[in-house]
Amino acid sequence: MLRAIFEECKGEIRLSERVVSIDYSGKRICVVTQKEKYECDYLISSLPLGVLQQDRVKFQPDLPLNYSSKLKNMGFGVANKIYVSFDKPFWGENQGWILFVTKG
């Protein structure tokens, strides 16, 4: 899926560069790393939750309060997933996903 997005958007991936700040206040987004400064029209960020919770990256403008306050209260945990494949859907043709969540 990511490969298709990058091919469509002509995107670039930058690895091993610690992000210092993200300025999305103007028409273009400015990302400053310890190595270089980048400008782009769109940005997909995958900053880890711990980095966001510790405010290691400066956002300009600040992230919306309802977003940042939820990040601060979000906990870490383990997600166990089991995938099962069936030859024919027994749950009906119009259903795309079935999700079961149990408390352990």
PDB file of N, CA and C in Angstrom:
ATOM      1  N   MET A   1       0.832  -1.182   0.000  1.00  0.00           N
ATOM      2  CA  MET A   1       0.000   0.000   0.000  1.00  0.00           C
ATOM      3  C   MET A   1       0.881   1.253   0.000  1.00  0.00           C
ATOM      4  N   LEU A   2       1.900   1.273   0.863  1.00  0.00           N
ATOM      5  CA  LEU A   2       2.773   2.440   0.904  1.00  0.00           C
ATOM      6  C   LEU A   2       3.499   2.650  -0.417  1.00  0.00           C
ATOM      7  N   ARG A   3       3.910   1.561  -1.026  1.00  0.00           N
ATOM      8  CA  ARG A   3       4.601   1.681  -2.313  1.00  0.00           C
ATOM      9  C   ARG A   3       3.704   2.353  -3.342  1.00  0.00           C
ATOM     10  N   ALA A   4       2.426   1.989  -3.376  1.00  0.00           N
ATOM     11  CA  ALA A   4       1.481   2.601  -4.325  1.00  0.00           C
ATOM     12  C   ALA A   4       1.314   4.091  -4.045  1.00  0.00           C
ATOM     13  N   ILE A   5       1.253   4.467  -2.763  1.00  0.00           N
ATOM     14  CA  ILE A   5       1.132   5.887  -2.414  1.00  0.00           C
ATOM     15  C   ILE A   5       2.361   6.651  -2.882  1.00  0.00           C
ATOM     16  N   PHE A   6       3.545   6.109  -2.626  1.00  0.00           N
ATOM     17  CA  PHE A   6       4.766   6.799  -3.020  1.00  0.00           C
ATOM     18  C   PHE A   6       4.901   6.912  -4.532  1.00  0.00           C
ATOM     19  N   GLU A   7       4.508   5.861  -5.235  1.00  0.00           N
ATOM     20  CA  GLU A   7       4.569   5.915  -6.699  1.00  0.00           C
ATOM     21  C   GLU A   7       3.618   6.971  -7.243  1.00  0.00           C
ATOM     22  N   GLU A   8       2.434   7.064  -6.662  1.00  0.00           N
ATOM     23  CA  GLU A   8       1.441   8.040  -7.106  1.00  0.00           C
ATOM     24  C   GLU A   8       1.876   9.465  -6.782  1.00  0.00           C
ATOM     25  N   CYS A   9       2.427   9.663  -5.591  1.00  0.00           N
ATOM     26  CA  CYS A   9       2.785  11.009  -5.127  1.00  0.00           C
ATOM     27  C   CYS A   9       4.213  11.394  -5.476  1.00  0.00           C
ATOM     28  N   LYS A  10       4.970  10.477  -6.026  1.00  0.00           N
ATOM     29  CA  LYS A  10       6.395  10.713  -6.284  1.00  0.00           C
ATOM     30  C   LYS A  10       7.088  11.094  -4.975  1.00  0.00           C
ATOM     31  N   GLY A  11       6.742  10.369  -3.909  1.00  0.00           N
ATOM     32  CA  GLY A  11       7.243  10.682  -2.575  1.00  0.00           C
ATOM     33  C   GLY A  11       8.671  10.257  -2.350  1.00  0.00           C
ATOM     34  N   GLU A  12       9.236  10.763  -1.286  1.00  0.00           N
ATOM     35  CA  GLU A  12      10.583  10.421  -0.871  1.00  0.00           C
ATOM     36  C   GLU A  12      10.554   9.984   0.582  1.00  0.00           C
ATOM     37  N   ILE A  13      11.399   9.041   0.906  1.00  0.00           N
ATOM     38  CA  ILE A  13      11.529   8.596   2.282  1.00  0.00           C
ATOM     39  C   ILE A  13      12.914   9.005   2.763  1.00  0.00           C
ATOM     40  N   ARG A  14      12.976   9.632   3.916  1.00  0.00           N
ATOM     41  CA  ARG A  14      14.252  10.012   4.519  1.00  0.00           C
ATOM     42  C   ARG A  14      14.430   9.179   5.780  1.00  0.00           C
ATOM     43  N   LEU A  15      15.530   8.468   5.877  1.00  0.00           N
ATOM     44  CA  LEU A  15      15.796   7.610   7.013  1.00  0.00           C
ATOM     45  C   LEU A  15      16.992   8.137   7.813  1.00  0.00           C
ATOM     46  N   SER A  16      17.051   7.759   9.065  1.00  0.00           N
ATOM     47  CA  SER A  16      18.177   8.071   9.947  1.00  0.00           C
ATOM     48  C   SER A  16      18.435   9.566  10.076  1.00  0.00           C
ATOM     49  N   GLU A  17      17.373  10.342  10.108  1.00  0.00           N
ATOM     50  CA  GLU A  17      17.486  11.771  10.326  1.00  0.00           C
ATOM     51  C   GLU A  17      16.525  12.158  11.441  1.00  0.00           C
ATOM     52  N   ARG A  18      17.060  12.603  12.554  1.00  0.00           N
ATOM     53  CA  ARG A  18      16.227  12.989  13.699  1.00  0.00           C
ATOM     54  C   ARG A  18      15.529  14.304  13.392  1.00  0.00           C
ATOM     55  N   VAL A  19      14.203  14.284  13.444  1.00  0.00           N
ATOM     56  CA  VAL A  19      13.402  15.475  13.168  1.00  0.00           C
ATOM     57  C   VAL A  19      13.452  16.406  14.371  1.00  0.00           C
ATOM     58  N   VAL A  20      13.749  17.674  14.120  1.00  0.00           N
ATOM     59  CA  VAL A  20      13.821  18.683  15.161  1.00  0.00           C
ATOM     60  C   VAL A  20      12.537  19.496  15.208  1.00  0.00           C
ATOM     61  N   SER A  21      12.039  19.895  14.017  1.00  0.00           N
ATOM     62  CA  SER A  21      10.820  20.703  13.975  1.00  0.00           C
ATOM     63  C   SER A  21      10.059  20.482  12.675  1.00  0.00           C
ATOM     64  N   ILE A  22       8.744  20.729  12.762  1.00  0.00           N
ATOM     65  CA  ILE A  22       7.860  20.673  11.599  1.00  0.00           C
ATOM     66  C   ILE A  22       7.034  21.942  11.613  1.00  0.00           C
ATOM     67  N   ASP A  23       7.187  22.753  10.573  1.00  0.00           N
ATOM     68  CA  ASP A  23       6.442  24.009  10.455  1.00  0.00           C
ATOM     69  C   ASP A  23       5.429  23.851   9.325  1.00  0.00           C
ATOM     70  N   TYR A  24       4.157  23.810   9.687  1.00  0.00           N
ATOM     71  CA  TYR A  24       3.101  23.649   8.683  1.00  0.00           C
ATOM     72  C   TYR A  24       2.201  24.879   8.640  1.00  0.00           C
ATOM     73  N   SER A  25       2.778  26.038   8.984  1.00  0.00           N
ATOM     74  CA  SER A  25       1.996  27.273   9.044  1.00  0.00           C
ATOM     75  C   SER A  25       1.827  27.944   7.684  1.00  0.00           C
ATOM     76  N   GLY A  26       2.670  27.620   6.722  1.00  0.00           N
ATOM     77  CA  GLY A  26       2.602  28.266   5.416  1.00  0.00           C
ATOM     78  C   GLY A  26       2.020  27.373   4.348  1.00  0.00           C
ATOM     79  N   LYS A  27       2.218  27.765   3.094  1.00  0.00           N
ATOM     80  CA  LYS A  27       1.714  26.974   1.962  1.00  0.00           C
ATOM     81  C   LYS A  27       2.494  25.675   1.820  1.00  0.00           C
ATOM     82  N   ARG A  28       3.769  25.691   2.185  1.00  0.00           N
ATOM     83  CA  ARG A  28       4.603  24.494   2.130  1.00  0.00           C
ATOM     84  C   ARG A  28       5.002  24.103   3.543  1.00  0.00           C
ATOM     85  N   ILE A  29       5.232  22.841   3.725  1.00  0.00           N
ATOM     86  CA  ILE A  29       5.623  22.318   5.032  1.00  0.00           C
ATOM     87  C   ILE A  29       7.148  22.300   5.091  1.00  0.00           C
ATOM     88  N   CYS A  30       7.696  22.768   6.198  1.00  0.00           N
ATOM     89  CA  CYS A  30       9.139  22.793   6.385  1.00  0.00           C
ATOM     90  C   CYS A  30       9.497  21.804   7.499  1.00  0.00           C
ATOM     91  N   VAL A  31      10.343  20.840   7.170  1.00  0.00           N
ATOM     92  CA  VAL A  31      10.802  19.846   8.133  1.00  0.00           C
ATOM     93  C   VAL A  31      12.293  20.056   8.337  1.00  0.00           C
ATOM     94  N   VAL A  32      12.682  20.305   9.581  1.00  0.00           N
ATOM     95  CA  VAL A  32      14.093  20.501   9.914  1.00  0.00           C
ATOM     96  C   VAL A  32      14.577  19.271  10.665  1.00  0.00           C
ATOM     97  N   THR A  33      15.665  18.675  10.172  1.00  0.00           N
ATOM     98  CA  THR A  33      16.288  17.548  10.846  1.00  0.00           C
ATOM     99  C   THR A  33      17.659  17.996  11.351  1.00  0.00           C
ATOM    100  N   GLN A  34      18.366  17.107  12.036  1.00  0.00           N
ATOM    101  CA  GLN A  34      19.714  17.433  12.484  1.00  0.00           C
ATOM    102  C   GLN A  34      20.674  17.568  11.310  1.00  0.00           C
ATOM    103  N   LYS A  35      20.305  17.024  10.166  1.00  0.00           N
ATOM    104  CA  LYS A  35      21.182  17.045   9.006  1.00  0.00           C
ATOM    105  C   LYS A  35      20.830  18.114   7.978  1.00  0.00           C
ATOM    106  N   GLU A  36      19.526  18.347   7.784  1.00  0.00           N
ATOM    107  CA  GLU A  36      19.117  19.172   6.654  1.00  0.00           C
ATOM    108  C   GLU A  36      17.725  19.763   6.876  1.00  0.00           C
ATOM    109  N   LYS A  37      17.336  20.646   5.975  1.00  0.00           N
ATOM    110  CA  LYS A  37      16.002  21.254   5.982  1.00  0.00           C
ATOM    111  C   LYS A  37      15.311  20.848   4.687  1.00  0.00           C
ATOM    112  N   TYR A  38      14.042  20.418   4.805  1.00  0.00           N
ATOM    113  CA  TYR A  38      13.272  19.976   3.643  1.00  0.00           C
ATOM    114  C   TYR A  38      11.982  20.765   3.561  1.00  0.00           C
ATOM    115  N   GLU A  39      11.518  20.964   2.332  1.00  0.00           N
ATOM    116  CA  GLU A  39      10.199  21.568   2.123  1.00  0.00           C
ATOM    117  C   GLU A  39       9.384  20.628   1.261  1.00  0.00           C
ATOM    118  N   CYS A  40       8.078  20.583   1.551  1.00  0.00           N
ATOM    119  CA  CYS A  40       7.208  19.688   0.803  1.00  0.00           C
ATOM    120  C   CYS A  40       5.778  20.237   0.807  1.00  0.00           C
ATOM    121  N   ASP A  41       4.967  19.700  -0.079  1.00  0.00           N
ATOM    122  CA  ASP A  41       3.554  20.072  -0.142  1.00  0.00           C
ATOM    123  C   ASP A  41       2.726  19.239   0.836  1.00  0.00           C
ATOM    124  N   TYR A  42       3.136  17.994   1.045  1.00  0.00           N
ATOM    125  CA  TYR A  42       2.416  17.068   1.920  1.00  0.00           C
ATOM    126  C   TYR A  42       3.429  16.308   2.752  1.00  0.00           C
ATOM    127  N   LEU A  43       3.014  15.902   3.943  1.00  0.00           N
ATOM    128  CA  LEU A  43       3.896  15.161   4.825  1.00  0.00           C
ATOM    129  C   LEU A  43       3.112  14.056   5.520  1.00  0.00           C
ATOM    130  N   ILE A  44       3.625  12.848   5.464  1.00  0.00           N
ATOM    131  CA  ILE A  44       3.090  11.748   6.246  1.00  0.00           C
ATOM    132  C   ILE A  44       4.115  11.490   7.336  1.00  0.00           C
ATOM    133  N   SER A  45       3.718  11.715   8.563  1.00  0.00           N
ATOM    134  CA  SER A  45       4.628  11.569   9.685  1.00  0.00           C
ATOM    135  C   SER A  45       4.348  10.259  10.415  1.00  0.00           C
ATOM    136  N   SER A  46       5.408   9.572  10.791  1.00  0.00           N
ATOM    137  CA  SER A  46       5.258   8.346  11.580  1.00  0.00           C
ATOM    138  C   SER A  46       6.088   8.461  12.858  1.00  0.00           C
ATOM    139  N   LEU A  47       6.026   9.632  13.472  1.00  0.00           N
ATOM    140  CA  LEU A  47       6.760   9.834  14.720  1.00  0.00           C
ATOM    141  C   LEU A  47       6.224   8.894  15.788  1.00  0.00           C
ATOM    142  N   PRO A  48       7.120   8.251  16.543  1.00  0.00           N
ATOM    143  CA  PRO A  48       6.671   7.348  17.607  1.00  0.00           C
ATOM    144  C   PRO A  48       5.898   8.088  18.699  1.00  0.00           C
ATOM    145  N   LEU A  49       5.000   7.380  19.356  1.00  0.00           N
ATOM    146  CA  LEU A  49       4.187   7.971  20.407  1.00  0.00           C
ATOM    147  C   LEU A  49       5.048   8.586  21.501  1.00  0.00           C
ATOM    148  N   GLY A  50       6.107   7.915  21.900  1.00  0.00           N
ATOM    149  CA  GLY A  50       6.989   8.437  22.943  1.00  0.00           C
ATOM    150  C   GLY A  50       7.628   9.762  22.563  1.00  0.00           C
ATOM    151  N   VAL A  51       8.005   9.919  21.309  1.00  0.00           N
ATOM    152  CA  VAL A  51       8.591  11.170  20.822  1.00  0.00           C
ATOM    153  C   VAL A  51       7.562  12.289  20.902  1.00  0.00           C
ATOM    154  N   LEU A  52       6.328  11.990  20.506  1.00  0.00           N
ATOM    155  CA  LEU A  52       5.269  13.001  20.567  1.00  0.00           C
ATOM    156  C   LEU A  52       4.925  13.358  22.012  1.00  0.00           C
ATOM    157  N   GLN A  53       4.899  12.373  22.890  1.00  0.00           N
ATOM    158  CA  GLN A  53       4.551  12.634  24.281  1.00  0.00           C
ATOM    159  C   GLN A  53       5.623  13.461  25.000  1.00  0.00           C
ATOM    160  N   GLN A  54       6.867  13.328  24.585  1.00  0.00           N
ATOM    161  CA  GLN A  54       7.959  14.055  25.228  1.00  0.00           C
ATOM    162  C   GLN A  54       8.261  15.389  24.545  1.00  0.00           C
ATOM    163  N   ASP A  55       7.430  15.764  23.580  1.00  0.00           N
ATOM    164  CA  ASP A  55       7.609  17.030  22.854  1.00  0.00           C
ATOM    165  C   ASP A  55       9.014  17.184  22.282  1.00  0.00           C
ATOM    166  N   ARG A  56       9.545  16.115  21.727  1.00  0.00           N
ATOM    167  CA  ARG A  56      10.883  16.158  21.145  1.00  0.00           C
ATOM    168  C   ARG A  56      10.914  16.880  19.808  1.00  0.00           C
ATOM    169  N   VAL A  57       9.765  16.995  19.169  1.00  0.00           N
ATOM    170  CA  VAL A  57       9.663  17.694  17.892  1.00  0.00           C
ATOM    171  C   VAL A  57       8.815  18.938  18.096  1.00  0.00           C
ATOM    172  N   LYS A  58       9.322  20.089  17.679  1.00  0.00           N
ATOM    173  CA  LYS A  58       8.593  21.352  17.803  1.00  0.00           C
ATOM    174  C   LYS A  58       7.687  21.514  16.585  1.00  0.00           C
ATOM    175  N   PHE A  59       6.402  21.674  16.831  1.00  0.00           N
ATOM    176  CA  PHE A  59       5.437  21.907  15.755  1.00  0.00           C
ATOM    177  C   PHE A  59       5.092  23.385  15.710  1.00  0.00           C
ATOM    178  N   GLN A  60       5.022  23.931  14.514  1.00  0.00           N
ATOM    179  CA  GLN A  60       4.617  25.322  14.320  1.00  0.00           C
ATOM    180  C   GLN A  60       3.511  25.355  13.282  1.00  0.00           C
ATOM    181  N   PRO A  61       2.297  25.718  13.596  1.00  0.00           N
ATOM    182  CA  PRO A  61       1.814  26.030  14.936  1.00  0.00           C
ATOM    183  C   PRO A  61       1.755  24.762  15.788  1.00  0.00           C
ATOM    184  N   ASP A  62       1.561  24.937  17.097  1.00  0.00           N
ATOM    185  CA  ASP A  62       1.424  23.790  17.987  1.00  0.00           C
ATOM    186  C   ASP A  62       0.301  22.891  17.490  1.00  0.00           C
ATOM    187  N   LEU A  63       0.400  21.616  17.805  1.00  0.00           N
ATOM    188  CA  LEU A  63      -0.688  20.704  17.458  1.00  0.00           C
ATOM    189  C   LEU A  63      -1.951  21.147  18.181  1.00  0.00           C
ATOM    190  N   PRO A  64      -3.114  20.917  17.597  1.00  0.00           N
ATOM    191  CA  PRO A  64      -4.369  21.298  18.260  1.00  0.00           C
ATOM    192  C   PRO A  64      -4.446  20.687  19.658  1.00  0.00           C
ATOM    193  N   LEU A  65      -4.999  21.434  20.601  1.00  0.00           N
ATOM    194  CA  LEU A  65      -5.053  21.017  22.000  1.00  0.00           C
ATOM    195  C   LEU A  65      -5.755  19.682  22.185  1.00  0.00           C
ATOM    196  N   ASN A  66      -6.870  19.475  21.483  1.00  0.00           N
ATOM    197  CA  ASN A  66      -7.590  18.204  21.649  1.00  0.00           C
ATOM    198  C   ASN A  66      -6.748  17.021  21.154  1.00  0.00           C
ATOM    199  N   TYR A  67      -5.897  17.249  20.182  1.00  0.00           N
ATOM    200  CA  TYR A  67      -5.016  16.200  19.660  1.00  0.00           C
ATOM    201  C   TYR A  67      -3.853  15.958  20.621  1.00  0.00           C
ATOM    202  N   SER A  68      -3.180  17.015  21.036  1.00  0.00           N
ATOM    203  CA  SER A  68      -2.006  16.860  21.901  1.00  0.00           C
ATOM    204  C   SER A  68      -2.387  16.332  23.285  1.00  0.00           C
ATOM    205  N   SER A  69      -3.545  16.736  23.806  1.00  0.00           N
ATOM    206  CA  SER A  69      -3.947  16.232  25.126  1.00  0.00           C
ATOM    207  C   SER A  69      -4.274  14.743  25.064  1.00  0.00           C
ATOM    208  N   LYS A  70      -4.829  14.279  23.964  1.00  0.00           N
ATOM    209  CA  LYS A  70      -5.101  12.845  23.808  1.00  0.00           C
ATOM    210  C   LYS A  70      -3.798  12.058  23.686  1.00  0.00           C
ATOM    211  N   LEU A  71      -2.816  12.637  23.000  1.00  0.00           N
ATOM    212  CA  LEU A  71      -1.518  11.977  22.891  1.00  0.00           C
ATOM    213  C   LEU A  71      -0.872  11.801  24.253  1.00  0.00           C
ATOM    214  N   LYS A  72      -0.972  12.829  25.099  1.00  0.00           N
ATOM    215  CA  LYS A  72      -0.349  12.793  26.428  1.00  0.00           C
ATOM    216  C   LYS A  72      -0.945  11.678  27.290  1.00  0.00           C
ATOM    217  N   ASN A  73      -2.234  11.404  27.117  1.00  0.00           N
ATOM    218  CA  ASN A  73      -2.919  10.413  27.946  1.00  0.00           C
ATOM    219  C   ASN A  73      -2.924   9.008  27.355  1.00  0.00           C
ATOM    220  N   MET A  74      -2.417   8.875  26.144  1.00  0.00           N
ATOM    221  CA  MET A  74      -2.425   7.587  25.465  1.00  0.00           C
ATOM    222  C   MET A  74      -1.343   6.683  26.056  1.00  0.00           C
ATOM    223  N   GLY A  75      -1.674   5.425  26.270  1.00  0.00           N
ATOM    224  CA  GLY A  75      -0.712   4.487  26.846  1.00  0.00           C
ATOM    225  C   GLY A  75      -0.150   3.541  25.809  1.00  0.00           C
ATOM    226  N   PHE A  76       0.913   2.894  26.200  1.00  0.00           N
ATOM    227  CA  PHE A  76       1.527   1.889  25.347  1.00  0.00           C
ATOM    228  C   PHE A  76       0.941   0.527  25.707  1.00  0.00           C
ATOM    229  N   GLY A  77       0.956  -0.373  24.778  1.00  0.00           N
ATOM    230  CA  GLY A  77       0.422  -1.694  25.057  1.00  0.00           C
ATOM    231  C   GLY A  77       0.799  -2.673  23.966  1.00  0.00           C
ATOM    232  N   VAL A  78       0.300  -3.852  24.111  1.00  0.00           N
ATOM    233  CA  VAL A  78       0.563  -4.918  23.155  1.00  0.00           C
ATOM    234  C   VAL A  78      -0.724  -5.210  22.406  1.00  0.00           C
ATOM    235  N   ALA A  79      -0.633  -5.352  21.114  1.00  0.00           N
ATOM    236  CA  ALA A  79      -1.794  -5.717  20.311  1.00  0.00           C
ATOM    237  C   ALA A  79      -1.524  -7.080  19.681  1.00  0.00           C
ATOM    238  N   ASN A  80      -2.343  -8.029  20.028  1.00  0.00           N
ATOM    239  CA  ASN A  80      -2.231  -9.361  19.431  1.00  0.00           C
ATOM    240  C   ASN A  80      -3.234  -9.469  18.305  1.00  0.00           C
ATOM    241  N   LYS A  81      -2.754  -9.924  17.161  1.00  0.00           N
ATOM    242  CA  LYS A  81      -3.629 -10.038  15.998  1.00  0.00           C
ATOM    243  C   LYS A  81      -3.573 -11.462  15.462  1.00  0.00           C
ATOM    244  N   ILE A  82      -4.715 -11.945  15.058  1.00  0.00           N
ATOM    245  CA  ILE A  82      -4.792 -13.253  14.419  1.00  0.00           C
ATOM    246  C   ILE A  82      -5.529 -13.057  13.100  1.00  0.00           C
ATOM    247  N   TYR A  83      -4.921 -13.499  12.032  1.00  0.00           N
ATOM    248  CA  TYR A  83      -5.538 -13.401  10.719  1.00  0.00           C
ATOM    249  C   TYR A  83      -5.943 -14.796  10.266  1.00  0.00           C
ATOM    250  N   VAL A  84      -7.161 -14.917   9.775  1.00  0.00           N
ATOM    251  CA  VAL A  84      -7.677 -16.190   9.305  1.00  0.00           C
ATOM    252  C   VAL A  84      -8.188 -15.985   7.893  1.00  0.00           C
ATOM    253  N   SER A  85      -7.868 -16.903   7.013  1.00  0.00           N
ATOM    254  CA  SER A  85      -8.274 -16.808   5.617  1.00  0.00           C
ATOM    255  C   SER A  85      -9.325 -17.872   5.310  1.00  0.00           C
ATOM    256  N   PHE A  86     -10.358 -17.482   4.569  1.00  0.00           N
ATOM    257  CA  PHE A  86     -11.420 -18.398   4.174  1.00  0.00           C
ATOM    258  C   PHE A  86     -11.537 -18.385   2.657  1.00  0.00           C
ATOM    259  N   ASP A  87     -11.863 -19.523   2.098  1.00  0.00           N
ATOM    260  CA  ASP A  87     -12.041 -19.612   0.647  1.00  0.00           C
ATOM    261  C   ASP A  87     -13.228 -18.783   0.170  1.00  0.00           C
ATOM    262  N   LYS A  88     -14.285 -18.761   0.983  1.00  0.00           N
ATOM    263  CA  LYS A  88     -15.501 -18.049   0.603  1.00  0.00           C
ATOM    264  C   LYS A  88     -16.019 -17.311   1.835  1.00  0.00           C
ATOM    265  N   PRO A  89     -16.415 -16.032   1.688  1.00  0.00           N
ATOM    266  CA  PRO A  89     -16.920 -15.298   2.862  1.00  0.00           C
ATOM    267  C   PRO A  89     -18.272 -15.849   3.317  1.00  0.00           C
ATOM    268  N   PHE A  90     -18.352 -16.326   4.554  1.00  0.00           N
ATOM    269  CA  PHE A  90     -19.602 -16.842   5.088  1.00  0.00           C
ATOM    270  C   PHE A  90     -20.422 -15.756   5.765  1.00  0.00           C
ATOM    271  N   TRP A  91     -19.864 -14.550   5.873  1.00  0.00           N
ATOM    272  CA  TRP A  91     -20.523 -13.447   6.578  1.00  0.00           C
ATOM    273  C   TRP A  91     -21.245 -12.498   5.640  1.00  0.00           C
ATOM    274  N   GLY A  92     -21.262 -12.795   4.352  1.00  0.00           N
ATOM    275  CA  GLY A  92     -21.971 -11.957   3.398  1.00  0.00           C
ATOM    276  C   GLY A  92     -21.014 -11.190   2.502  1.00  0.00           C
ATOM    277  N   GLU A  93     -21.462 -10.924   1.321  1.00  0.00           N
ATOM    278  CA  GLU A  93     -20.614 -10.296   0.311  1.00  0.00           C
ATOM    279  C   GLU A  93     -20.329  -8.821   0.579  1.00  0.00           C
ATOM    280  N   ASN A  94     -21.207  -8.121   1.312  1.00  0.00           N
ATOM    281  CA  ASN A  94     -21.057  -6.681   1.496  1.00  0.00           C
ATOM    282  C   ASN A  94     -20.231  -6.299   2.727  1.00  0.00           C
ATOM    283  N   GLN A  95     -19.825  -7.273   3.517  1.00  0.00           N
ATOM    284  CA  GLN A  95     -19.016  -6.988   4.699  1.00  0.00           C
ATOM    285  C   GLN A  95     -17.544  -7.092   4.321  1.00  0.00           C
ATOM    286  N   GLY A  96     -16.773  -6.071   4.666  1.00  0.00           N
ATOM    287  CA  GLY A  96     -15.352  -6.080   4.330  1.00  0.00           C
ATOM    288  C   GLY A  96     -14.468  -6.542   5.475  1.00  0.00           C
ATOM    289  N   TRP A  97     -14.859  -6.244   6.712  1.00  0.00           N
ATOM    290  CA  TRP A  97     -14.007  -6.569   7.853  1.00  0.00           C
ATOM    291  C   TRP A  97     -14.859  -7.115   8.993  1.00  0.00           C
ATOM    292  N   ILE A  98     -14.277  -8.040   9.730  1.00  0.00           N
ATOM    293  CA  ILE A  98     -14.859  -8.503  10.973  1.00  0.00           C
ATOM    294  C   ILE A  98     -13.810  -8.244  12.043  1.00  0.00           C
ATOM    295  N   LEU A  99     -14.216  -7.644  13.153  1.00  0.00           N
ATOM    296  CA  LEU A  99     -13.269  -7.305  14.204  1.00  0.00           C
ATOM    297  C   LEU A  99     -13.804  -7.798  15.541  1.00  0.00           C
ATOM    298  N   PHE A 100     -12.992  -8.577  16.225  1.00  0.00           N
ATOM    299  CA  PHE A 100     -13.344  -9.041  17.564  1.00  0.00           C
ATOM    300  C   PHE A 100     -12.314  -8.504  18.528  1.00  0.00           C
ATOM    301  N   VAL A 101     -12.745  -7.901  19.591  1.00  0.00           N
ATOM    302  CA  VAL A 101     -11.845  -7.413  20.621  1.00  0.00           C
ATOM    303  C   VAL A 101     -12.280  -8.055  21.927  1.00  0.00           C
ATOM    304  N   THR A 102     -11.327  -8.683  22.610  1.00  0.00           N
ATOM    305  CA  THR A 102     -11.632  -9.319  23.887  1.00  0.00           C
ATOM    306  C   THR A 102     -10.798  -8.691  24.985  1.00  0.00           C
ATOM    307  N   LYS A 103     -11.329  -8.719  26.184  1.00  0.00           N
ATOM    308  CA  LYS A 103     -10.576  -8.247  27.346  1.00  0.00           C
ATOM    309  C   LYS A 103      -9.890  -9.441  27.954  1.00  0.00           C
ATOM    310  N   GLY A 104      -8.592  -9.299  28.229  1.00  0.00           N
ATOM    311  CA  GLY A 104      -7.825 -10.420  28.747  1.00  0.00           C
ATOM    312  C   GLY A 104      -7.618 -10.369  30.235  1.00  0.00           C
TER     313      GLY A 104
END
